């Protein structure tokens, strides 16, 4: 999966709520829909988006399906964020080093 798909899936507050609900373990659509102001079919559509983004695993359990968090679901997003912040911190450190050199040059008697 790509971090873009993950970001798109996480952009919706209902989907984030569903992920929060699944933190404690697998649940069926009926349990997930119980406290939401949307229909079960709408919850199923949200679960499909999350599943397609690699954030959920679906397990058949008799006549129903259980949804659970995918352990590696956020790996691509984490890697992208690590690169983004790593690059930003490297740039910050380089700029701070340049400023320190400029200050040292100005303070050094000629």
C-alpha atoms as a PDB file:
ATOM      1  CA  UNK A   1       0.000   0.000   0.000  1.00  0.00           C
ATOM      2  CA  UNK A   2       1.030   3.609  -0.231  1.00  0.00           C
ATOM      3  CA  UNK A   3       1.083   6.312   2.376  1.00  0.00           C
ATOM      4  CA  UNK A   4      -1.255   8.332   0.129  1.00  0.00           C
ATOM      5  CA  UNK A   5      -3.974   5.669   0.417  1.00  0.00           C
ATOM      6  CA  UNK A   6      -3.459   5.596   4.169  1.00  0.00           C
ATOM      7  CA  UNK A   7      -3.761   9.378   4.461  1.00  0.00           C
ATOM      8  CA  UNK A   8      -6.897   9.356   2.320  1.00  0.00           C
ATOM      9  CA  UNK A   9      -8.451   6.615   4.435  1.00  0.00           C
ATOM     10  CA  UNK A  10      -7.572   8.409   7.676  1.00  0.00           C
ATOM     11  CA  UNK A  11      -8.935  11.745   6.447  1.00  0.00           C
ATOM     12  CA  UNK A  12     -12.481  10.729   7.349  1.00  0.00           C
ATOM     13  CA  UNK A  13     -13.449  11.057  11.046  1.00  0.00           C
ATOM     14  CA  UNK A  14     -15.782   8.051  10.872  1.00  0.00           C
ATOM     15  CA  UNK A  15     -12.934   5.867   9.658  1.00  0.00           C
ATOM     16  CA  UNK A  16     -10.663   7.122  12.408  1.00  0.00           C
ATOM     17  CA  UNK A  17     -13.421   6.315  14.909  1.00  0.00           C
ATOM     18  CA  UNK A  18     -13.688   2.784  13.517  1.00  0.00           C
ATOM     19  CA  UNK A  19      -9.944   2.289  13.891  1.00  0.00           C
ATOM     20  CA  UNK A  20     -10.128   3.512  17.481  1.00  0.00           C
ATOM     21  CA  UNK A  21     -12.903   1.007  18.194  1.00  0.00           C
ATOM     22  CA  UNK A  22     -10.769  -1.812  16.789  1.00  0.00           C
ATOM     23  CA  UNK A  23      -7.815  -1.054  19.074  1.00  0.00           C
ATOM     24  CA  UNK A  24      -9.172  -3.468  21.688  1.00  0.00           C
ATOM     25  CA  UNK A  25      -9.643  -6.335  19.259  1.00  0.00           C
ATOM     26  CA  UNK A  26     -11.683  -7.681  16.337  1.00  0.00           C
ATOM     27  CA  UNK A  27     -15.319  -6.674  15.917  1.00  0.00           C
ATOM     28  CA  UNK A  28     -18.148  -7.386  13.503  1.00  0.00           C
ATOM     29  CA  UNK A  29     -19.891  -4.663  11.504  1.00  0.00           C
ATOM     30  CA  UNK A  30     -22.926  -4.792  13.780  1.00  0.00           C
ATOM     31  CA  UNK A  31     -20.807  -4.009  16.853  1.00  0.00           C
ATOM     32  CA  UNK A  32     -18.938  -1.250  15.035  1.00  0.00           C
ATOM     33  CA  UNK A  33     -22.145   0.344  13.729  1.00  0.00           C
ATOM     34  CA  UNK A  34     -23.894   0.253  17.098  1.00  0.00           C
ATOM     35  CA  UNK A  35     -22.773   3.700  18.298  1.00  0.00           C
ATOM     36  CA  UNK A  36     -22.546   5.451  14.947  1.00  0.00           C
ATOM     37  CA  UNK A  37     -25.205   7.714  13.424  1.00  0.00           C
ATOM     38  CA  UNK A  38     -24.822   6.006  10.039  1.00  0.00           C
ATOM     39  CA  UNK A  39     -26.254   2.801   8.603  1.00  0.00           C
ATOM     40  CA  UNK A  40     -24.542  -0.579   8.691  1.00  0.00           C
ATOM     41  CA  UNK A  41     -24.047  -0.494   4.896  1.00  0.00           C
ATOM     42  CA  UNK A  42     -22.294   2.873   5.288  1.00  0.00           C
ATOM     43  CA  UNK A  43     -20.070   1.397   8.010  1.00  0.00           C
ATOM     44  CA  UNK A  44     -19.284  -1.497   5.658  1.00  0.00           C
ATOM     45  CA  UNK A  45     -18.232   0.973   2.957  1.00  0.00           C
ATOM     46  CA  UNK A  46     -15.914   2.734   5.393  1.00  0.00           C
ATOM     47  CA  UNK A  47     -14.456  -0.614   6.450  1.00  0.00           C
ATOM     48  CA  UNK A  48     -13.804  -1.464   2.805  1.00  0.00           C
ATOM     49  CA  UNK A  49     -11.852   1.764   2.321  1.00  0.00           C
ATOM     50  CA  UNK A  50      -9.797   1.011   5.433  1.00  0.00           C
ATOM     51  CA  UNK A  51      -9.243  -2.554   4.289  1.00  0.00           C
ATOM     52  CA  UNK A  52      -8.260  -1.478   0.758  1.00  0.00           C
ATOM     53  CA  UNK A  53      -5.738   0.929   2.313  1.00  0.00           C
ATOM     54  CA  UNK A  54      -4.170  -2.003   4.165  1.00  0.00           C
ATOM     55  CA  UNK A  55      -5.247  -0.811   7.601  1.00  0.00           C
ATOM     56  CA  UNK A  56      -7.589  -3.707   8.382  1.00  0.00           C
ATOM     57  CA  UNK A  57      -7.652  -7.456   8.097  1.00  0.00           C
ATOM     58  CA  UNK A  58     -10.944  -9.259   7.546  1.00  0.00           C
ATOM     59  CA  UNK A  59     -11.557 -12.662   9.096  1.00  0.00           C
ATOM     60  CA  UNK A  60     -14.558 -14.814   8.217  1.00  0.00           C
ATOM     61  CA  UNK A  61     -16.313 -16.035  11.376  1.00  0.00           C
ATOM     62  CA  UNK A  62     -19.280 -18.160  10.419  1.00  0.00           C
ATOM     63  CA  UNK A  63     -21.846 -15.971   8.691  1.00  0.00           C
ATOM     64  CA  UNK A  64     -20.194 -12.729   9.712  1.00  0.00           C
ATOM     65  CA  UNK A  65     -16.867 -11.049   9.144  1.00  0.00           C
ATOM     66  CA  UNK A  66     -14.602  -9.767  11.876  1.00  0.00           C
ATOM     67  CA  UNK A  67     -12.434  -6.728  11.286  1.00  0.00           C
ATOM     68  CA  UNK A  68      -9.153  -6.156  13.071  1.00  0.00           C
ATOM     69  CA  UNK A  69      -6.248  -3.763  12.757  1.00  0.00           C
ATOM     70  CA  UNK A  70      -3.517  -4.841  10.366  1.00  0.00           C
ATOM     71  CA  UNK A  71      -0.217  -4.904  12.279  1.00  0.00           C
ATOM     72  CA  UNK A  72       1.741  -3.417   9.361  1.00  0.00           C
ATOM     73  CA  UNK A  73      -1.050  -1.114   8.229  1.00  0.00           C
ATOM     74  CA  UNK A  74       0.714   2.120   9.084  1.00  0.00           C
ATOM     75  CA  UNK A  75       4.237   1.102   8.052  1.00  0.00           C
ATOM     76  CA  UNK A  76       4.254   3.067   4.765  1.00  0.00           C
ATOM     77  CA  UNK A  77       2.889   6.185   6.468  1.00  0.00           C
ATOM     78  CA  UNK A  78       5.399   5.881   9.315  1.00  0.00           C
ATOM     79  CA  UNK A  79       8.276   5.496   6.853  1.00  0.00           C
ATOM     80  CA  UNK A  80       7.114   8.552   4.889  1.00  0.00           C
ATOM     81  CA  UNK A  81       6.757  10.625   8.066  1.00  0.00           C
ATOM     82  CA  UNK A  82      10.197   9.499   9.261  1.00  0.00           C
ATOM     83  CA  UNK A  83      11.724  10.605   5.941  1.00  0.00           C
ATOM     84  CA  UNK A  84       9.810  13.888   5.983  1.00  0.00           C
ATOM     85  CA  UNK A  85      10.811  14.794   9.533  1.00  0.00           C
ATOM     86  CA  UNK A  86      14.317  13.434   9.056  1.00  0.00           C
ATOM     87  CA  UNK A  87      14.807  15.717   6.059  1.00  0.00           C
ATOM     88  CA  UNK A  88      13.281  18.668   7.925  1.00  0.00           C
ATOM     89  CA  UNK A  89      15.526  18.099  10.950  1.00  0.00           C
ATOM     90  CA  UNK A  90      18.592  17.722   8.728  1.00  0.00           C
ATOM     91  CA  UNK A  91      17.761  21.052   7.052  1.00  0.00           C
ATOM     92  CA  UNK A  92      17.206  22.701  10.425  1.00  0.00           C
ATOM     93  CA  UNK A  93      20.532  21.365  11.738  1.00  0.00           C
ATOM     94  CA  UNK A  94      22.380  22.553   8.618  1.00  0.00           C
ATOM     95  CA  UNK A  95      20.845  26.026   8.899  1.00  0.00           C
ATOM     96  CA  UNK A  96      21.653  26.215  12.624  1.00  0.00           C
ATOM     97  CA  UNK A  97      25.250  25.231  11.826  1.00  0.00           C
ATOM     98  CA  UNK A  98      25.458  27.948   9.150  1.00  0.00           C
ATOM     99  CA  UNK A  99      24.123  30.563  11.569  1.00  0.00           C
ATOM    100  CA  UNK A 100      26.592  29.487  14.254  1.00  0.00           C
ATOM    101  CA  UNK A 101      29.469  29.831  11.751  1.00  0.00           C
ATOM    102  CA  UNK A 102      28.259  33.315  10.724  1.00  0.00           C
ATOM    103  CA  UNK A 103      28.068  34.414  14.349  1.00  0.00           C
ATOM    104  CA  UNK A 104      31.515  32.979  15.092  1.00  0.00           C
ATOM    105  CA  UNK A 105      32.951  34.798  12.056  1.00  0.00           C
ATOM    106  CA  UNK A 106      31.454  38.113  13.172  1.00  0.00           C
ATOM    107  CA  UNK A 107      32.765  37.665  16.719  1.00  0.00           C
ATOM    108  CA  UNK A 108      36.296  36.738  15.601  1.00  0.00           C
ATOM    109  CA  UNK A 109      38.552  39.802  15.513  1.00  0.00           C
ATOM    110  CA  UNK A 110      40.058  40.448  12.123  1.00  0.00           C
END
